[in-house]
Amino acid sequence: MEVVLASLVAVAGTLLGSIITFTLQRRSRVQAEAFARSLQLLQERLTTYSAYAGAVTALKQGTVALWFRLQGDANSPETRHAFAECDRLGAAAENAQFRVRLLAEDAMLVALAASAFDAIGPIRRAPTRTDLAEREQEVQDALNAFITAAAVQIH
């Protein structure tokens, strides 16, 4: 009888140890997966926000180049090329903005991204170089506000 009782205690102890080990390993795996997902999301946001800032900066530069072309011969091949380049850069910036909208948790960050993109339009309509410089600064200010808010979300 003692042998049976000892065997039952051994089997019960083994089963209890297995259950506890399984539970702890499962909990550890779930935590590790959650941590990996959060790191991946953080990296994706960092990449997306940086790409958006770069796309808006490139669009700003392309729009300024177009403005200078428009001050000369508006019908030249170089001006047509500058228009085409602005269209390409605008599409790239808009695509980057869509990614920001998909990944951002904060509606304010999305609004700041839109504000930076929208600030590009008035550059082309600047009547003088002084106005051009002011509008460029407005774009830079809007972009800086976006970057500041994005950095808060990433950190």
Protein backbone atom coordinates (compact mmCIF):
# COMPACT_ATOMS: atom_id res chain seq x y z
CA MET A 1 0.00 0.00 0.00
CA GLU A 2 2.84 2.33 0.77
CA VAL A 3 4.34 1.71 -2.64
CA VAL A 4 1.04 2.63 -4.34
CA LEU A 5 0.68 5.76 -2.24
CA ALA A 6 4.27 6.79 -3.00
CA SER A 7 3.68 6.14 -6.70
CA LEU A 8 0.51 8.28 -6.66
CA VAL A 9 2.32 11.12 -4.90
CA ALA A 10 5.16 10.90 -7.43
CA VAL A 11 2.74 10.90 -10.38
CA ALA A 12 0.74 13.80 -8.88
CA GLY A 13 3.94 15.77 -8.26
CA THR A 14 5.15 15.14 -11.80
CA LEU A 15 1.79 16.21 -13.25
CA LEU A 16 1.67 19.33 -11.07
CA GLY A 17 5.24 20.23 -12.07
CA SER A 18 4.40 19.74 -15.75
CA ILE A 19 1.29 21.92 -15.48
CA ILE A 20 3.19 24.69 -13.70
CA THR A 21 6.04 24.53 -16.22
CA PHE A 22 3.60 24.63 -19.14
CA THR A 23 1.75 27.62 -17.66
CA LEU A 24 4.93 29.58 -16.98
CA GLN A 25 6.38 28.84 -20.42
CA ARG A 26 3.14 29.86 -22.10
CA ARG A 27 2.99 33.13 -20.15
CA SER A 28 6.63 33.82 -20.98
CA ARG A 29 6.03 33.11 -24.68
CA VAL A 30 2.99 35.42 -24.78
CA GLN A 31 4.99 38.21 -23.13
CA ALA A 32 7.90 37.70 -25.53
CA GLU A 33 5.56 37.83 -28.53
CA ALA A 34 3.88 41.01 -27.24
CA PHE A 35 7.27 42.61 -26.71
CA ALA A 36 8.42 41.62 -30.20
CA ARG A 37 5.21 43.07 -31.71
CA SER A 38 5.65 46.35 -29.84
CA LEU A 39 9.28 46.62 -31.00
CA GLN A 40 8.25 45.91 -34.58
CA LEU A 41 5.52 48.56 -34.41
CA LEU A 42 7.96 51.06 -32.92
CA GLN A 43 10.46 50.39 -35.71
CA GLU A 44 7.73 50.65 -38.35
CA ARG A 45 6.59 54.00 -36.95
CA LEU A 46 10.14 55.33 -36.83
CA THR A 47 10.70 54.33 -40.44
CA THR A 48 7.35 55.71 -41.58
CA TYR A 49 7.61 59.04 -39.77
CA SER A 50 11.17 59.56 -41.03
CA ALA A 51 10.16 58.67 -44.58
CA TYR A 52 7.25 61.11 -44.39
CA ALA A 53 9.48 63.95 -43.20
CA GLY A 54 11.90 63.17 -46.03
CA ALA A 55 9.12 63.05 -48.61
CA VAL A 56 7.71 66.40 -47.51
CA THR A 57 11.19 67.93 -47.55
CA ALA A 58 11.82 66.61 -51.07
CA LEU A 59 8.43 67.93 -52.21
CA LYS A 60 9.25 71.33 -50.73
CA GLN A 61 12.55 71.42 -52.58
CA GLY A 62 10.90 70.35 -55.83
CA THR A 63 8.20 72.99 -55.44
CA VAL A 64 10.79 75.70 -54.80
CA ALA A 65 12.69 74.59 -57.92
CA LEU A 66 9.43 74.78 -59.86
CA TRP A 67 8.79 78.29 -58.50
CA PHE A 68 12.15 79.43 -59.85
CA ARG A 69 11.42 77.81 -63.23
CA LEU A 70 8.07 79.58 -63.36
CA GLN A 71 9.81 82.93 -62.82
CA GLY A 72 11.57 82.37 -66.16
CA ASP A 73 10.09 80.60 -69.16
CA ALA A 74 6.90 78.88 -67.98
CA ASN A 75 6.68 76.84 -71.20
CA SER A 76 10.23 75.52 -71.36
CA PRO A 77 11.00 71.79 -71.27
CA GLU A 78 12.79 72.33 -67.94
CA THR A 79 9.63 73.84 -66.44
CA ARG A 80 7.52 70.94 -67.74
CA HIS A 81 10.06 68.56 -66.22
CA ALA A 82 9.86 70.46 -62.91
CA PHE A 83 6.06 70.11 -62.97
CA ALA A 84 6.38 66.37 -63.60
CA GLU A 85 8.92 66.06 -60.79
CA CYS A 86 6.61 67.92 -58.40
CA ASP A 87 3.77 65.57 -59.33
CA ARG A 88 5.99 62.56 -58.63
CA LEU A 89 7.21 63.99 -55.33
CA GLY A 90 3.67 64.95 -54.35
CA ALA A 91 2.46 61.41 -54.96
CA ALA A 92 5.34 60.02 -52.89
CA ALA A 93 4.56 62.43 -50.04
CA GLU A 94 0.88 61.56 -50.19
CA ASN A 95 1.70 57.85 -50.10
CA ALA A 96 3.95 58.43 -47.08
CA GLN A 97 1.13 60.39 -45.44
CA PHE A 98 -1.22 57.41 -45.91
CA ARG A 99 1.29 55.23 -44.04
CA VAL A 100 1.41 57.79 -41.22
CA ARG A 101 -2.38 57.68 -41.00
CA LEU A 102 -2.30 53.88 -40.79
CA LEU A 103 0.33 53.70 -38.05
CA ALA A 104 -0.27 56.76 -35.89
CA GLU A 105 -2.20 56.24 -32.67
CA ASP A 106 -2.71 59.96 -32.19
CA ALA A 107 -5.17 61.94 -34.32
CA MET A 108 -3.15 65.07 -33.59
CA LEU A 109 -0.10 63.50 -35.24
CA VAL A 110 -2.16 62.75 -38.35
CA ALA A 111 -3.40 66.36 -38.36
CA LEU A 112 0.17 67.66 -38.04
CA ALA A 113 1.24 65.47 -40.96
CA ALA A 114 -1.61 66.85 -43.06
CA SER A 115 -0.68 70.38 -42.03
CA ALA A 116 2.90 69.91 -43.21
CA PHE A 117 1.70 68.52 -46.54
CA ASP A 118 -0.87 71.30 -47.00
CA ALA A 119 1.74 73.98 -46.29
CA ILE A 120 3.52 73.05 -49.54
CA GLY A 121 0.75 74.36 -51.83
CA PRO A 122 1.17 78.08 -51.11
CA ILE A 123 4.86 77.96 -52.05
CA ARG A 124 4.06 77.91 -55.75
CA ARG A 125 1.83 80.96 -55.47
CA ALA A 126 4.43 83.13 -53.69
CA PRO A 127 4.67 86.45 -55.54
CA THR A 128 8.21 87.35 -54.38
CA ARG A 129 11.35 85.67 -53.06
CA THR A 130 10.62 87.09 -49.62
CA ASP A 131 7.17 85.47 -49.65
CA LEU A 132 8.76 82.27 -50.94
CA ALA A 133 11.17 82.21 -48.00
CA GLU A 134 8.31 82.84 -45.55
CA ARG A 135 6.26 80.01 -47.02
CA GLU A 136 9.25 77.69 -46.93
CA GLN A 137 9.64 78.53 -43.24
CA GLU A 138 5.95 77.75 -42.66
CA VAL A 139 6.49 74.32 -44.18
CA GLN A 140 9.57 73.79 -42.01
CA ASP A 141 7.66 74.89 -38.89
CA ALA A 142 4.80 72.50 -39.70
CA LEU A 143 7.27 69.70 -40.34
CA ASN A 144 9.09 70.43 -37.07
CA ALA A 145 5.78 70.25 -35.19
CA PHE A 146 5.09 66.87 -36.81
CA ILE A 147 8.56 65.56 -35.95
CA THR A 148 8.26 66.73 -32.34
CA ALA A 149 4.91 64.99 -31.92
CA ALA A 150 6.19 61.85 -33.66
CA ALA A 151 9.23 61.73 -31.37
CA VAL A 152 6.94 61.84 -28.34
CA GLN A 153 4.93 58.91 -29.68
CA ILE A 154 8.07 56.89 -30.48
CA HIS A 155 9.68 57.51 -27.10
